[in-house]
Amino acid sequence: MTDLIRPRRGRIIAGVCAGLALRFSTSATLIRVVFLLSMLLPGPQILIYLALWVIMPKQRA
């Protein structure tokens, strides 16, 4: 496993899903699909995404 960072490549909006995929060694597409499906359930998904956007550091050059 790697550190939890938002990569420079492979990001669509903020890189949160791509960073989670790198951290857990899985596909970014899978993480994005799971996130989109979770939006159908009630809960704070958007708030969690925004919090991760703020908390996760960007990948350095």
PDB file of N, CA and C in Angstrom:
ATOM      1  N   MET A   1       0.833  -1.184   0.000  1.00  0.00           N
ATOM      2  CA  MET A   1       0.000   0.000   0.000  1.00  0.00           C
ATOM      3  C   MET A   1       0.877   1.246   0.000  1.00  0.00           C
ATOM      4  N   THR A   2       0.363   2.290  -0.612  1.00  0.00           N
ATOM      5  CA  THR A   2       1.084   3.555  -0.674  1.00  0.00           C
ATOM      6  C   THR A   2       0.415   4.571   0.236  1.00  0.00           C
ATOM      7  N   ASP A   3       1.004   5.732   0.283  1.00  0.00           N
ATOM      8  CA  ASP A   3       0.412   6.807   1.075  1.00  0.00           C
ATOM      9  C   ASP A   3      -0.878   7.283   0.422  1.00  0.00           C
ATOM     10  N   LEU A   4      -1.720   7.887   1.218  1.00  0.00           N
ATOM     11  CA  LEU A   4      -2.994   8.404   0.724  1.00  0.00           C
ATOM     12  C   LEU A   4      -2.759   9.800   0.161  1.00  0.00           C
ATOM     13  N   ILE A   5      -2.627   9.896  -1.178  1.00  0.00           N
ATOM     14  CA  ILE A   5      -2.394  11.161  -1.857  1.00  0.00           C
ATOM     15  C   ILE A   5      -3.320  11.276  -3.057  1.00  0.00           C
ATOM     16  N   ARG A   6      -3.511  12.498  -3.540  1.00  0.00           N
ATOM     17  CA  ARG A   6      -4.261  12.719  -4.767  1.00  0.00           C
ATOM     18  C   ARG A   6      -3.262  12.824  -5.916  1.00  0.00           C
ATOM     19  N   PRO A   7      -3.245  11.850  -6.824  1.00  0.00           N
ATOM     20  CA  PRO A   7      -2.238  11.846  -7.890  1.00  0.00           C
ATOM     21  C   PRO A   7      -2.478  12.947  -8.916  1.00  0.00           C
ATOM     22  N   ARG A   8      -1.413  13.306  -9.619  1.00  0.00           N
ATOM     23  CA  ARG A   8      -1.518  14.313 -10.682  1.00  0.00           C
ATOM     24  C   ARG A   8      -2.198  13.727 -11.925  1.00  0.00           C
ATOM     25  N   ARG A   9      -1.997  12.447 -12.184  1.00  0.00           N
ATOM     26  CA  ARG A   9      -2.576  11.803 -13.363  1.00  0.00           C
ATOM     27  C   ARG A   9      -3.716  10.888 -12.948  1.00  0.00           C
ATOM     28  N   GLY A  10      -4.702  10.769 -13.815  1.00  0.00           N
ATOM     29  CA  GLY A  10      -5.804   9.856 -13.566  1.00  0.00           C
ATOM     30  C   GLY A  10      -6.941  10.461 -12.779  1.00  0.00           C
ATOM     31  N   ARG A  11      -6.889  11.747 -12.524  1.00  0.00           N
ATOM     32  CA  ARG A  11      -7.965  12.378 -11.771  1.00  0.00           C
ATOM     33  C   ARG A  11      -9.042  12.875 -12.721  1.00  0.00           C
ATOM     34  N   ILE A  12     -10.272  12.865 -12.242  1.00  0.00           N
ATOM     35  CA  ILE A  12     -11.378  13.391 -13.038  1.00  0.00           C
ATOM     36  C   ILE A  12     -11.875  14.693 -12.434  1.00  0.00           C
ATOM     37  N   ILE A  13     -12.198  14.694 -11.157  1.00  0.00           N
ATOM     38  CA  ILE A  13     -12.636  15.936 -10.514  1.00  0.00           C
ATOM     39  C   ILE A  13     -11.523  16.436  -9.597  1.00  0.00           C
ATOM     40  N   ALA A  14     -11.278  15.736  -8.523  1.00  0.00           N
ATOM     41  CA  ALA A  14     -10.268  16.190  -7.567  1.00  0.00           C
ATOM     42  C   ALA A  14      -9.179  15.154  -7.341  1.00  0.00           C
ATOM     43  N   GLY A  15      -9.359  13.954  -7.819  1.00  0.00           N
ATOM     44  CA  GLY A  15      -8.370  12.907  -7.633  1.00  0.00           C
ATOM     45  C   GLY A  15      -8.586  12.059  -6.393  1.00  0.00           C
ATOM     46  N   VAL A  16      -9.703  12.247  -5.719  1.00  0.00           N
ATOM     47  CA  VAL A  16      -9.967  11.486  -4.494  1.00  0.00           C
ATOM     48  C   VAL A  16     -10.135  10.006  -4.812  1.00  0.00           C
ATOM     49  N   CYS A  17     -10.942   9.682  -5.790  1.00  0.00           N
ATOM     50  CA  CYS A  17     -11.161   8.266  -6.143  1.00  0.00           C
ATOM     51  C   CYS A  17      -9.880   7.631  -6.674  1.00  0.00           C
ATOM     52  N   ALA A  18      -9.113   8.379  -7.461  1.00  0.00           N
ATOM     53  CA  ALA A  18      -7.846   7.851  -7.974  1.00  0.00           C
ATOM     54  C   ALA A  18      -6.863   7.624  -6.831  1.00  0.00           C
ATOM     55  N   GLY A  19      -6.845   8.513  -5.854  1.00  0.00           N
ATOM     56  CA  GLY A  19      -5.974   8.343  -4.696  1.00  0.00           C
ATOM     57  C   GLY A  19      -6.361   7.147  -3.853  1.00  0.00           C
ATOM     58  N   LEU A  20      -7.656   6.952  -3.651  1.00  0.00           N
ATOM     59  CA  LEU A  20      -8.125   5.786  -2.903  1.00  0.00           C
ATOM     60  C   LEU A  20      -7.793   4.491  -3.643  1.00  0.00           C
ATOM     61  N   ALA A  21      -7.905   4.526  -4.971  1.00  0.00           N
ATOM     62  CA  ALA A  21      -7.581   3.342  -5.768  1.00  0.00           C
ATOM     63  C   ALA A  21      -6.091   3.000  -5.661  1.00  0.00           C
ATOM     64  N   LEU A  22      -5.238   4.012  -5.688  1.00  0.00           N
ATOM     65  CA  LEU A  22      -3.810   3.750  -5.525  1.00  0.00           C
ATOM     66  C   LEU A  22      -3.509   3.206  -4.134  1.00  0.00           C
ATOM     67  N   ARG A  23      -4.151   3.759  -3.140  1.00  0.00           N
ATOM     68  CA  ARG A  23      -3.913   3.347  -1.736  1.00  0.00           C
ATOM     69  C   ARG A  23      -4.280   1.891  -1.513  1.00  0.00           C
ATOM     70  N   PHE A  24      -5.401   1.465  -2.093  1.00  0.00           N
ATOM     71  CA  PHE A  24      -5.887   0.111  -1.866  1.00  0.00           C
ATOM     72  C   PHE A  24      -5.617  -0.828  -3.037  1.00  0.00           C
ATOM     73  N   SER A  25      -4.761  -0.407  -3.965  1.00  0.00           N
ATOM     74  CA  SER A  25      -4.323  -1.229  -5.102  1.00  0.00           C
ATOM     75  C   SER A  25      -5.484  -1.831  -5.874  1.00  0.00           C
ATOM     76  N   THR A  26      -6.393  -0.961  -6.296  1.00  0.00           N
ATOM     77  CA  THR A  26      -7.536  -1.393  -7.095  1.00  0.00           C
ATOM     78  C   THR A  26      -7.744  -0.409  -8.235  1.00  0.00           C
ATOM     79  N   SER A  27      -8.743  -0.634  -9.033  1.00  0.00           N
ATOM     80  CA  SER A  27      -9.031   0.201 -10.179  1.00  0.00           C
ATOM     81  C   SER A  27      -9.752   1.479  -9.757  1.00  0.00           C
ATOM     82  N   ALA A  28      -9.343   2.596 -10.339  1.00  0.00           N
ATOM     83  CA  ALA A  28     -10.016   3.866 -10.061  1.00  0.00           C
ATOM     84  C   ALA A  28     -11.453   3.829 -10.578  1.00  0.00           C
ATOM     85  N   THR A  29     -11.674   3.130 -11.670  1.00  0.00           N
ATOM     86  CA  THR A  29     -13.030   3.008 -12.207  1.00  0.00           C
ATOM     87  C   THR A  29     -13.938   2.285 -11.225  1.00  0.00           C
ATOM     88  N   LEU A  30     -13.433   1.253 -10.587  1.00  0.00           N
ATOM     89  CA  LEU A  30     -14.216   0.523  -9.598  1.00  0.00           C
ATOM     90  C   LEU A  30     -14.590   1.434  -8.424  1.00  0.00           C
ATOM     91  N   ILE A  31     -13.643   2.210  -7.942  1.00  0.00           N
ATOM     92  CA  ILE A  31     -13.916   3.126  -6.831  1.00  0.00           C
ATOM     93  C   ILE A  31     -14.956   4.160  -7.249  1.00  0.00           C
ATOM     94  N   ARG A  32     -14.847   4.672  -8.463  1.00  0.00           N
ATOM     95  CA  ARG A  32     -15.815   5.666  -8.954  1.00  0.00           C
ATOM     96  C   ARG A  32     -17.217   5.074  -9.071  1.00  0.00           C
ATOM     97  N   VAL A  33     -17.318   3.844  -9.568  1.00  0.00           N
ATOM     98  CA  VAL A  33     -18.627   3.195  -9.705  1.00  0.00           C
ATOM     99  C   VAL A  33     -19.240   2.943  -8.329  1.00  0.00           C
ATOM    100  N   VAL A  34     -18.437   2.473  -7.392  1.00  0.00           N
ATOM    101  CA  VAL A  34     -18.937   2.241  -6.030  1.00  0.00           C
ATOM    102  C   VAL A  34     -19.404   3.550  -5.411  1.00  0.00           C
ATOM    103  N   PHE A  35     -18.657   4.627  -5.624  1.00  0.00           N
ATOM    104  CA  PHE A  35     -19.067   5.928  -5.094  1.00  0.00           C
ATOM    105  C   PHE A  35     -20.383   6.383  -5.719  1.00  0.00           C
ATOM    106  N   LEU A  36     -20.506   6.241  -7.030  1.00  0.00           N
ATOM    107  CA  LEU A  36     -21.750   6.655  -7.696  1.00  0.00           C
ATOM    108  C   LEU A  36     -22.943   5.819  -7.240  1.00  0.00           C
ATOM    109  N   LEU A  37     -22.735   4.520  -7.050  1.00  0.00           N
ATOM    110  CA  LEU A  37     -23.819   3.677  -6.552  1.00  0.00           C
ATOM    111  C   LEU A  37     -24.184   4.029  -5.115  1.00  0.00           C
ATOM    112  N   SER A  38     -23.188   4.431  -4.331  1.00  0.00           N
ATOM    113  CA  SER A  38     -23.482   4.813  -2.949  1.00  0.00           C
ATOM    114  C   SER A  38     -24.299   6.097  -2.880  1.00  0.00           C
ATOM    115  N   MET A  39     -24.281   6.883  -3.935  1.00  0.00           N
ATOM    116  CA  MET A  39     -25.070   8.116  -3.968  1.00  0.00           C
ATOM    117  C   MET A  39     -26.569   7.815  -3.965  1.00  0.00           C
ATOM    118  N   LEU A  40     -26.953   6.599  -4.315  1.00  0.00           N
ATOM    119  CA  LEU A  40     -28.364   6.204  -4.297  1.00  0.00           C
ATOM    120  C   LEU A  40     -28.860   5.962  -2.878  1.00  0.00           C
ATOM    121  N   LEU A  41     -27.947   5.765  -1.949  1.00  0.00           N
ATOM    122  CA  LEU A  41     -28.298   5.524  -0.555  1.00  0.00           C
ATOM    123  C   LEU A  41     -28.260   6.835   0.230  1.00  0.00           C
ATOM    124  N   PRO A  42     -29.070   6.938   1.259  1.00  0.00           N
ATOM    125  CA  PRO A  42     -29.000   8.151   2.068  1.00  0.00           C
ATOM    126  C   PRO A  42     -27.715   8.161   2.891  1.00  0.00           C
ATOM    127  N   GLY A  43     -27.145   9.339   3.049  1.00  0.00           N
ATOM    128  CA  GLY A  43     -25.929   9.449   3.844  1.00  0.00           C
ATOM    129  C   GLY A  43     -25.086  10.630   3.424  1.00  0.00           C
ATOM    130  N   PRO A  44     -23.975  10.811   4.093  1.00  0.00           N
ATOM    131  CA  PRO A  44     -23.129  11.989   3.861  1.00  0.00           C
ATOM    132  C   PRO A  44     -22.015  11.765   2.829  1.00  0.00           C
ATOM    133  N   GLN A  45     -22.300  11.107   1.731  1.00  0.00           N
ATOM    134  CA  GLN A  45     -21.275  10.777   0.757  1.00  0.00           C
ATOM    135  C   GLN A  45     -20.577  12.025   0.203  1.00  0.00           C
ATOM    136  N   ILE A  46     -21.332  13.043  -0.137  1.00  0.00           N
ATOM    137  CA  ILE A  46     -20.745  14.264  -0.693  1.00  0.00           C
ATOM    138  C   ILE A  46     -19.845  14.933   0.337  1.00  0.00           C
ATOM    139  N   LEU A  47     -20.284  14.963   1.587  1.00  0.00           N
ATOM    140  CA  LEU A  47     -19.472  15.581   2.638  1.00  0.00           C
ATOM    141  C   LEU A  47     -18.174  14.822   2.856  1.00  0.00           C
ATOM    142  N   ILE A  48     -18.230  13.505   2.785  1.00  0.00           N
ATOM    143  CA  ILE A  48     -17.020  12.695   2.932  1.00  0.00           C
ATOM    144  C   ILE A  48     -16.066  12.952   1.772  1.00  0.00           C
ATOM    145  N   TYR A  49     -16.602  13.030   0.554  1.00  0.00           N
ATOM    146  CA  TYR A  49     -15.771  13.307  -0.617  1.00  0.00           C
ATOM    147  C   TYR A  49     -15.099  14.672  -0.476  1.00  0.00           C
ATOM    148  N   LEU A  50     -15.869  15.688  -0.075  1.00  0.00           N
ATOM    149  CA  LEU A  50     -15.303  17.027   0.095  1.00  0.00           C
ATOM    150  C   LEU A  50     -14.246  17.057   1.198  1.00  0.00           C
ATOM    151  N   ALA A  51     -14.487  16.333   2.282  1.00  0.00           N
ATOM    152  CA  ALA A  51     -13.507  16.273   3.371  1.00  0.00           C
ATOM    153  C   ALA A  51     -12.213  15.603   2.895  1.00  0.00           C
ATOM    154  N   LEU A  52     -12.337  14.521   2.133  1.00  0.00           N
ATOM    155  CA  LEU A  52     -11.145  13.863   1.608  1.00  0.00           C
ATOM    156  C   LEU A  52     -10.402  14.767   0.635  1.00  0.00           C
ATOM    157  N   TRP A  53     -11.131  15.561  -0.142  1.00  0.00           N
ATOM    158  CA  TRP A  53     -10.533  16.502  -1.081  1.00  0.00           C
ATOM    159  C   TRP A  53      -9.655  17.500  -0.320  1.00  0.00           C
ATOM    160  N   VAL A  54     -10.126  17.949   0.814  1.00  0.00           N
ATOM    161  CA  VAL A  54      -9.387  18.925   1.612  1.00  0.00           C
ATOM    162  C   VAL A  54      -8.236  18.256   2.375  1.00  0.00           C
ATOM    163  N   ILE A  55      -8.471  17.071   2.914  1.00  0.00           N
ATOM    164  CA  ILE A  55      -7.489  16.411   3.787  1.00  0.00           C
ATOM    165  C   ILE A  55      -6.352  15.752   3.005  1.00  0.00           C
ATOM    166  N   MET A  56      -6.673  15.122   1.870  1.00  0.00           N
ATOM    167  CA  MET A  56      -5.649  14.379   1.119  1.00  0.00           C
ATOM    168  C   MET A  56      -4.683  15.348   0.444  1.00  0.00           C
ATOM    169  N   PRO A  57      -3.381  15.186   0.653  1.00  0.00           N
ATOM    170  CA  PRO A  57      -2.416  16.079   0.004  1.00  0.00           C
ATOM    171  C   PRO A  57      -2.250  15.732  -1.473  1.00  0.00           C
ATOM    172  N   LYS A  58      -1.865  16.739  -2.259  1.00  0.00           N
ATOM    173  CA  LYS A  58      -1.567  16.514  -3.680  1.00  0.00           C
ATOM    174  C   LYS A  58      -0.217  15.818  -3.826  1.00  0.00           C
ATOM    175  N   GLN A  59      -0.080  15.092  -4.899  1.00  0.00           N
ATOM    176  CA  GLN A  59       1.184  14.429  -5.200  1.00  0.00           C
ATOM    177  C   GLN A  59       2.205  15.501  -5.581  1.00  0.00           C
ATOM    178  N   ARG A  60       3.397  15.376  -5.050  1.00  0.00           N
ATOM    179  CA  ARG A  60       4.441  16.342  -5.369  1.00  0.00           C
ATOM    180  C   ARG A  60       5.041  16.057  -6.730  1.00  0.00           C
ATOM    181  N   ALA A  61       5.621  17.066  -7.318  1.00  0.00           N
ATOM    182  CA  ALA A  61       6.203  16.937  -8.658  1.00  0.00           C
ATOM    183  C   ALA A  61       7.427  16.055  -8.683  1.00  0.00           C
TER     184      ALA A  61
END
